[in-house]
Amino acid sequence: MSFESLGLALALIAIVGLWIAAPILNRNLRRLSTGTVVERGRDRLLSHYERLLNNIRDLDEDFATGKITQTDYEFEREKLVQQGIAVLKEIDTVAEHVAAPSEYQIDSDLDAAVDSRLDQQIEQAIKSRRKGGSVAPRVR
């Protein structure tokens, strides 16, 4: 094997290695981008808000078909509406903090807040279901 073919083989291996590593490096760079961190938190909140809207629609449908009583319907709907208002306020807070120097902390705080709120809702639904209380809205 000559030096020219060895050099060509090494160059080809280096090019293929860079081509394979490029998506991994891009993903890590995007993960470190501050705009992406804030957008991810905002997208997560928007997703939570859309789930709340779907739950309200499902609740309205259940009430219209007579699956739940009016008192349960009014209670659950008011609770979901209040949660939606809280999520919209958090979305506004994220929008205000886009230029803040500590976006990483904001994102982790929002994730923790949304996670803890969802955990509380799930626990309340489980307790209500075990007590034979009102029908909890479906979480998608």
C-alpha atoms as a PDB file:
ATOM      1  CA  MET A   1       0.000   0.000   0.000  1.00  0.00           C
ATOM      2  CA  SER A   2       1.457   3.345  -0.996  1.00  0.00           C
ATOM      3  CA  PHE A   3       1.473   6.527   1.075  1.00  0.00           C
ATOM      4  CA  GLU A   4      -0.970   8.164  -1.319  1.00  0.00           C
ATOM      5  CA  SER A   5      -3.598   5.450  -0.894  1.00  0.00           C
ATOM      6  CA  LEU A   6      -3.063   5.433   2.889  1.00  0.00           C
ATOM      7  CA  GLY A   7      -3.560   9.208   3.029  1.00  0.00           C
ATOM      8  CA  LEU A   8      -6.653   8.961   0.848  1.00  0.00           C
ATOM      9  CA  ALA A   9      -8.090   6.208   3.081  1.00  0.00           C
ATOM     10  CA  LEU A  10      -7.461   8.276   6.245  1.00  0.00           C
ATOM     11  CA  ALA A  11      -9.036  11.355   4.651  1.00  0.00           C
ATOM     12  CA  LEU A  12     -12.077   9.319   3.653  1.00  0.00           C
ATOM     13  CA  ILE A  13     -12.409   7.904   7.184  1.00  0.00           C
ATOM     14  CA  ALA A  14     -12.148  11.432   8.652  1.00  0.00           C
ATOM     15  CA  ILE A  15     -14.853  12.757   6.307  1.00  0.00           C
ATOM     16  CA  VAL A  16     -17.197   9.868   7.105  1.00  0.00           C
ATOM     17  CA  GLY A  17     -16.536  10.328  10.844  1.00  0.00           C
ATOM     18  CA  LEU A  18     -17.382  14.029  10.656  1.00  0.00           C
ATOM     19  CA  TRP A  19     -20.482  13.277   8.618  1.00  0.00           C
ATOM     20  CA  ILE A  20     -21.666  10.794  11.262  1.00  0.00           C
ATOM     21  CA  ALA A  21     -20.794  13.097  14.187  1.00  0.00           C
ATOM     22  CA  ALA A  22     -22.426  16.231  12.710  1.00  0.00           C
ATOM     23  CA  PRO A  23     -26.009  15.526  13.921  1.00  0.00           C
ATOM     24  CA  ILE A  24     -24.766  14.767  17.429  1.00  0.00           C
ATOM     25  CA  LEU A  25     -22.712  17.959  17.565  1.00  0.00           C
ATOM     26  CA  ASN A  26     -25.598  20.035  16.175  1.00  0.00           C
ATOM     27  CA  ARG A  27     -28.013  18.644  18.743  1.00  0.00           C
ATOM     28  CA  ASN A  28     -25.632  19.502  21.584  1.00  0.00           C
ATOM     29  CA  LEU A  29     -25.134  23.024  20.237  1.00  0.00           C
ATOM     30  CA  ARG A  30     -28.893  23.545  19.926  1.00  0.00           C
ATOM     31  CA  ARG A  31     -29.383  22.269  23.456  1.00  0.00           C
ATOM     32  CA  LEU A  32     -26.978  24.910  24.741  1.00  0.00           C
ATOM     33  CA  SER A  33     -28.705  27.712  22.868  1.00  0.00           C
ATOM     34  CA  THR A  34     -30.517  29.995  25.329  1.00  0.00           C
ATOM     35  CA  GLY A  35     -33.336  30.743  22.907  1.00  0.00           C
ATOM     36  CA  THR A  36     -34.038  27.058  22.524  1.00  0.00           C
ATOM     37  CA  VAL A  37     -34.210  26.551  26.283  1.00  0.00           C
ATOM     38  CA  VAL A  38     -36.822  29.272  26.664  1.00  0.00           C
ATOM     39  CA  GLU A  39     -38.723  28.054  23.617  1.00  0.00           C
ATOM     40  CA  ARG A  40     -38.780  24.524  25.019  1.00  0.00           C
ATOM     41  CA  GLY A  41     -40.272  25.795  28.287  1.00  0.00           C
ATOM     42  CA  ARG A  42     -42.828  27.854  26.380  1.00  0.00           C
ATOM     43  CA  ASP A  43     -43.697  24.896  24.128  1.00  0.00           C
ATOM     44  CA  ARG A  44     -44.170  22.710  27.172  1.00  0.00           C
ATOM     45  CA  LEU A  45     -46.535  25.260  28.714  1.00  0.00           C
ATOM     46  CA  LEU A  46     -48.457  25.579  25.436  1.00  0.00           C
ATOM     47  CA  SER A  47     -48.779  21.815  25.283  1.00  0.00           C
ATOM     48  CA  HIS A  48     -50.126  21.776  28.840  1.00  0.00           C
ATOM     49  CA  TYR A  49     -52.603  24.532  27.930  1.00  0.00           C
ATOM     50  CA  GLU A  50     -53.812  22.572  24.889  1.00  0.00           C
ATOM     51  CA  ARG A  51     -54.342  19.492  27.079  1.00  0.00           C
ATOM     52  CA  LEU A  52     -56.431  21.620  29.435  1.00  0.00           C
ATOM     53  CA  LEU A  53     -58.533  22.847  26.511  1.00  0.00           C
ATOM     54  CA  ASN A  54     -59.042  19.257  25.357  1.00  0.00           C
ATOM     55  CA  ASN A  55     -60.056  18.260  28.875  1.00  0.00           C
ATOM     56  CA  ILE A  56     -62.590  21.099  28.971  1.00  0.00           C
ATOM     57  CA  ARG A  57     -64.008  19.968  25.607  1.00  0.00           C
ATOM     58  CA  ASP A  58     -64.221  16.384  26.856  1.00  0.00           C
ATOM     59  CA  LEU A  59     -65.910  17.561  30.041  1.00  0.00           C
ATOM     60  CA  ASP A  60     -68.426  19.588  28.022  1.00  0.00           C
ATOM     61  CA  GLU A  61     -69.147  16.536  25.891  1.00  0.00           C
ATOM     62  CA  ASP A  62     -69.572  14.313  28.969  1.00  0.00           C
ATOM     63  CA  PHE A  63     -72.011  16.803  30.472  1.00  0.00           C
ATOM     64  CA  ALA A  64     -73.937  17.109  27.209  1.00  0.00           C
ATOM     65  CA  THR A  65     -74.343  13.335  27.036  1.00  0.00           C
ATOM     66  CA  GLY A  66     -75.386  13.125  30.695  1.00  0.00           C
ATOM     67  CA  LYS A  67     -72.369  11.187  31.952  1.00  0.00           C
ATOM     68  CA  ILE A  68     -71.767  13.609  34.853  1.00  0.00           C
ATOM     69  CA  THR A  69     -73.981  15.739  37.037  1.00  0.00           C
ATOM     70  CA  GLN A  70     -74.253  19.495  36.726  1.00  0.00           C
ATOM     71  CA  THR A  71     -72.536  20.163  40.086  1.00  0.00           C
ATOM     72  CA  ASP A  72     -69.580  17.953  39.140  1.00  0.00           C
ATOM     73  CA  TYR A  73     -69.450  19.573  35.728  1.00  0.00           C
ATOM     74  CA  GLU A  74     -69.418  23.112  37.120  1.00  0.00           C
ATOM     75  CA  PHE A  75     -66.773  22.261  39.724  1.00  0.00           C
ATOM     76  CA  GLU A  76     -64.446  20.471  37.297  1.00  0.00           C
ATOM     77  CA  ARG A  77     -64.874  23.076  34.569  1.00  0.00           C
ATOM     78  CA  GLU A  78     -64.080  25.948  36.916  1.00  0.00           C
ATOM     79  CA  LYS A  79     -60.998  24.107  38.156  1.00  0.00           C
ATOM     80  CA  LEU A  80     -59.778  23.526  34.592  1.00  0.00           C
ATOM     81  CA  VAL A  81     -60.440  27.136  33.614  1.00  0.00           C
ATOM     82  CA  GLN A  82     -58.424  28.380  36.615  1.00  0.00           C
ATOM     83  CA  GLN A  83     -55.559  26.069  35.675  1.00  0.00           C
ATOM     84  CA  GLY A  84     -55.681  27.399  32.113  1.00  0.00           C
ATOM     85  CA  ILE A  85     -55.493  30.960  33.382  1.00  0.00           C
ATOM     86  CA  ALA A  86     -52.461  30.076  35.514  1.00  0.00           C
ATOM     87  CA  VAL A  87     -50.710  28.454  32.545  1.00  0.00           C
ATOM     88  CA  LEU A  88     -51.389  31.495  30.345  1.00  0.00           C
ATOM     89  CA  LYS A  89     -49.882  33.731  33.038  1.00  0.00           C
ATOM     90  CA  GLU A  90     -46.789  31.524  33.125  1.00  0.00           C
ATOM     91  CA  ILE A  91     -46.523  31.739  29.334  1.00  0.00           C
ATOM     92  CA  ASP A  92     -46.606  35.531  29.628  1.00  0.00           C
ATOM     93  CA  THR A  93     -43.898  35.361  32.309  1.00  0.00           C
ATOM     94  CA  VAL A  94     -41.690  33.274  30.021  1.00  0.00           C
ATOM     95  CA  ALA A  95     -42.183  35.767  27.205  1.00  0.00           C
ATOM     96  CA  GLU A  96     -41.089  38.595  29.504  1.00  0.00           C
ATOM     97  CA  HIS A  97     -37.945  36.742  30.595  1.00  0.00           C
ATOM     98  CA  VAL A  98     -36.654  35.905  27.119  1.00  0.00           C
ATOM     99  CA  ALA A  99     -33.823  38.407  27.482  1.00  0.00           C
ATOM    100  CA  ALA A 100     -33.095  37.514  31.109  1.00  0.00           C
ATOM    101  CA  PRO A 101     -29.504  36.409  31.849  1.00  0.00           C
ATOM    102  CA  SER A 102     -30.521  33.223  33.638  1.00  0.00           C
ATOM    103  CA  GLU A 103     -32.679  31.414  31.078  1.00  0.00           C
ATOM    104  CA  TYR A 104     -31.432  28.032  32.235  1.00  0.00           C
ATOM    105  CA  GLN A 105     -32.770  28.633  35.738  1.00  0.00           C
ATOM    106  CA  ILE A 106     -36.085  29.935  34.396  1.00  0.00           C
ATOM    107  CA  ASP A 107     -36.529  26.795  32.275  1.00  0.00           C
ATOM    108  CA  SER A 108     -35.816  24.432  35.137  1.00  0.00           C
ATOM    109  CA  ASP A 109     -38.105  26.416  37.447  1.00  0.00           C
ATOM    110  CA  LEU A 110     -40.930  26.279  34.894  1.00  0.00           C
ATOM    111  CA  ASP A 111     -40.412  22.576  34.294  1.00  0.00           C
ATOM    112  CA  ALA A 112     -40.466  21.918  38.031  1.00  0.00           C
ATOM    113  CA  ALA A 113     -43.589  24.069  38.506  1.00  0.00           C
ATOM    114  CA  VAL A 114     -45.480  22.385  35.660  1.00  0.00           C
ATOM    115  CA  ASP A 115     -44.377  18.919  36.806  1.00  0.00           C
ATOM    116  CA  SER A 116     -45.400  19.534  40.418  1.00  0.00           C
ATOM    117  CA  ARG A 117     -48.761  20.966  39.354  1.00  0.00           C
ATOM    118  CA  LEU A 118     -49.422  17.978  37.108  1.00  0.00           C
ATOM    119  CA  ASP A 119     -48.416  15.610  39.921  1.00  0.00           C
ATOM    120  CA  GLN A 120     -50.836  17.354  42.292  1.00  0.00           C
ATOM    121  CA  GLN A 121     -53.645  17.119  39.753  1.00  0.00           C
ATOM    122  CA  ILE A 122     -53.002  13.438  39.222  1.00  0.00           C
ATOM    123  CA  GLU A 123     -52.921  12.772  42.958  1.00  0.00           C
ATOM    124  CA  GLN A 124     -56.181  14.695  43.467  1.00  0.00           C
ATOM    125  CA  ALA A 125     -57.838  12.765  40.652  1.00  0.00           C
ATOM    126  CA  ILE A 126     -56.703   9.456  42.166  1.00  0.00           C
ATOM    127  CA  LYS A 127     -57.978  10.416  45.627  1.00  0.00           C
ATOM    128  CA  SER A 128     -61.276  11.581  44.172  1.00  0.00           C
ATOM    129  CA  ARG A 129     -61.658   8.388  42.182  1.00  0.00           C
ATOM    130  CA  ARG A 130     -60.870   6.190  45.203  1.00  0.00           C
ATOM    131  CA  LYS A 131     -63.432   8.022  47.316  1.00  0.00           C
ATOM    132  CA  GLY A 132     -65.994   7.497  44.568  1.00  0.00           C
ATOM    133  CA  GLY A 133     -66.227  11.236  44.008  1.00  0.00           C
ATOM    134  CA  SER A 134     -66.672  13.160  40.820  1.00  0.00           C
ATOM    135  CA  VAL A 135     -65.368  11.978  37.505  1.00  0.00           C
ATOM    136  CA  ALA A 136     -61.917  13.451  36.904  1.00  0.00           C
ATOM    137  CA  PRO A 137     -61.153  14.833  33.443  1.00  0.00           C
ATOM    138  CA  ARG A 138     -59.114  12.621  31.167  1.00  0.00           C
ATOM    139  CA  VAL A 139     -55.485  13.560  30.743  1.00  0.00           C
ATOM    140  CA  ARG A 140     -54.097  12.976  27.280  1.00  0.00           C
END
